[in-house]
């Protein structure tokens, strides 16, 4: 069991060395894309929620 775990850690280390991590500028750009996308989806869902709430209240009258 311990031997398999050590082998797993060795393989993880090997795979991590192959990984290419983004630079600072790419990371900042990607972060902005995520933030803006999240805000757009939040506003859209807020508008849909507002409209559906008004519609359901209208139907229940």
C-alpha atoms as a PDB file:
ATOM      1  CA  UNK A   1       0.000   0.000   0.000  1.00  0.00           C
ATOM      2  CA  UNK A   2       2.736   2.477   0.931  1.00  0.00           C
ATOM      3  CA  UNK A   3       4.723   1.460  -2.135  1.00  0.00           C
ATOM      4  CA  UNK A   4       1.759   2.246  -4.388  1.00  0.00           C
ATOM      5  CA  UNK A   5       1.305   5.612  -2.671  1.00  0.00           C
ATOM      6  CA  UNK A   6       4.969   6.518  -3.190  1.00  0.00           C
ATOM      7  CA  UNK A   7       4.700   5.522  -6.850  1.00  0.00           C
ATOM      8  CA  UNK A   8       1.597   7.701  -7.172  1.00  0.00           C
ATOM      9  CA  UNK A   9       3.434  10.694  -5.700  1.00  0.00           C
ATOM     10  CA  UNK A  10       6.360  10.099  -8.032  1.00  0.00           C
ATOM     11  CA  UNK A  11       3.993  10.095 -11.027  1.00  0.00           C
ATOM     12  CA  UNK A  12       2.278  13.249  -9.791  1.00  0.00           C
ATOM     13  CA  UNK A  13       5.633  15.019  -9.544  1.00  0.00           C
ATOM     14  CA  UNK A  14       6.485  13.928 -13.101  1.00  0.00           C
ATOM     15  CA  UNK A  15       3.160  15.203 -14.472  1.00  0.00           C
ATOM     16  CA  UNK A  16       3.445  18.530 -12.613  1.00  0.00           C
ATOM     17  CA  UNK A  17       6.820  19.132 -14.292  1.00  0.00           C
ATOM     18  CA  UNK A  18       5.089  18.741 -17.679  1.00  0.00           C
ATOM     19  CA  UNK A  19       2.415  21.321 -16.855  1.00  0.00           C
ATOM     20  CA  UNK A  20       2.676  24.798 -18.357  1.00  0.00           C
ATOM     21  CA  UNK A  21       1.416  27.481 -16.016  1.00  0.00           C
ATOM     22  CA  UNK A  22       0.142  30.831 -17.386  1.00  0.00           C
ATOM     23  CA  UNK A  23       2.165  33.974 -17.038  1.00  0.00           C
ATOM     24  CA  UNK A  24       1.050  36.953 -14.994  1.00  0.00           C
ATOM     25  CA  UNK A  25      -0.526  38.845 -17.911  1.00  0.00           C
ATOM     26  CA  UNK A  26      -2.420  35.797 -19.175  1.00  0.00           C
ATOM     27  CA  UNK A  27      -3.668  35.054 -15.670  1.00  0.00           C
ATOM     28  CA  UNK A  28      -4.900  38.627 -15.177  1.00  0.00           C
ATOM     29  CA  UNK A  29      -6.627  38.576 -18.589  1.00  0.00           C
ATOM     30  CA  UNK A  30      -8.346  35.281 -17.840  1.00  0.00           C
ATOM     31  CA  UNK A  31      -9.448  36.559 -14.446  1.00  0.00           C
ATOM     32  CA  UNK A  32     -11.103  39.584 -16.036  1.00  0.00           C
ATOM     33  CA  UNK A  33     -12.912  37.352 -18.526  1.00  0.00           C
ATOM     34  CA  UNK A  34     -14.287  35.250 -15.662  1.00  0.00           C
ATOM     35  CA  UNK A  35     -15.352  38.293 -13.627  1.00  0.00           C
ATOM     36  CA  UNK A  36     -17.105  39.979 -16.565  1.00  0.00           C
ATOM     37  CA  UNK A  37     -18.793  36.741 -17.667  1.00  0.00           C
ATOM     38  CA  UNK A  38     -20.035  36.146 -14.131  1.00  0.00           C
ATOM     39  CA  UNK A  39     -21.456  39.663 -13.906  1.00  0.00           C
ATOM     40  CA  UNK A  40     -23.237  39.306 -17.257  1.00  0.00           C
ATOM     41  CA  UNK A  41     -24.809  35.997 -16.230  1.00  0.00           C
ATOM     42  CA  UNK A  42     -25.791  37.421 -12.816  1.00  0.00           C
ATOM     43  CA  UNK A  43     -27.523  40.428 -14.383  1.00  0.00           C
ATOM     44  CA  UNK A  44     -29.298  38.204 -16.920  1.00  0.00           C
ATOM     45  CA  UNK A  45     -30.532  35.818 -14.225  1.00  0.00           C
ATOM     46  CA  UNK A  46     -31.607  38.743 -12.048  1.00  0.00           C
ATOM     47  CA  UNK A  47     -33.687  40.182 -14.884  1.00  0.00           C
ATOM     48  CA  UNK A  48     -35.243  36.792 -15.678  1.00  0.00           C
ATOM     49  CA  UNK A  49     -36.016  36.252 -11.985  1.00  0.00           C
ATOM     50  CA  UNK A  50     -37.634  39.684 -11.728  1.00  0.00           C
ATOM     51  CA  UNK A  51     -39.793  39.095 -14.813  1.00  0.00           C
ATOM     52  CA  UNK A  52     -40.858  35.615 -13.707  1.00  0.00           C
ATOM     53  CA  UNK A  53     -41.694  36.885 -10.217  1.00  0.00           C
ATOM     54  CA  UNK A  54     -43.924  39.603 -11.659  1.00  0.00           C
ATOM     55  CA  UNK A  55     -45.543  37.070 -14.005  1.00  0.00           C
ATOM     56  CA  UNK A  56     -46.311  34.585 -11.211  1.00  0.00           C
ATOM     57  CA  UNK A  57     -47.733  37.344  -8.998  1.00  0.00           C
ATOM     58  CA  UNK A  58     -49.915  38.428 -11.912  1.00  0.00           C
ATOM     59  CA  UNK A  59     -51.178  34.851 -12.408  1.00  0.00           C
ATOM     60  CA  UNK A  60     -51.946  34.381  -8.712  1.00  0.00           C
ATOM     61  CA  UNK A  61     -54.157  37.485  -8.489  1.00  0.00           C
END
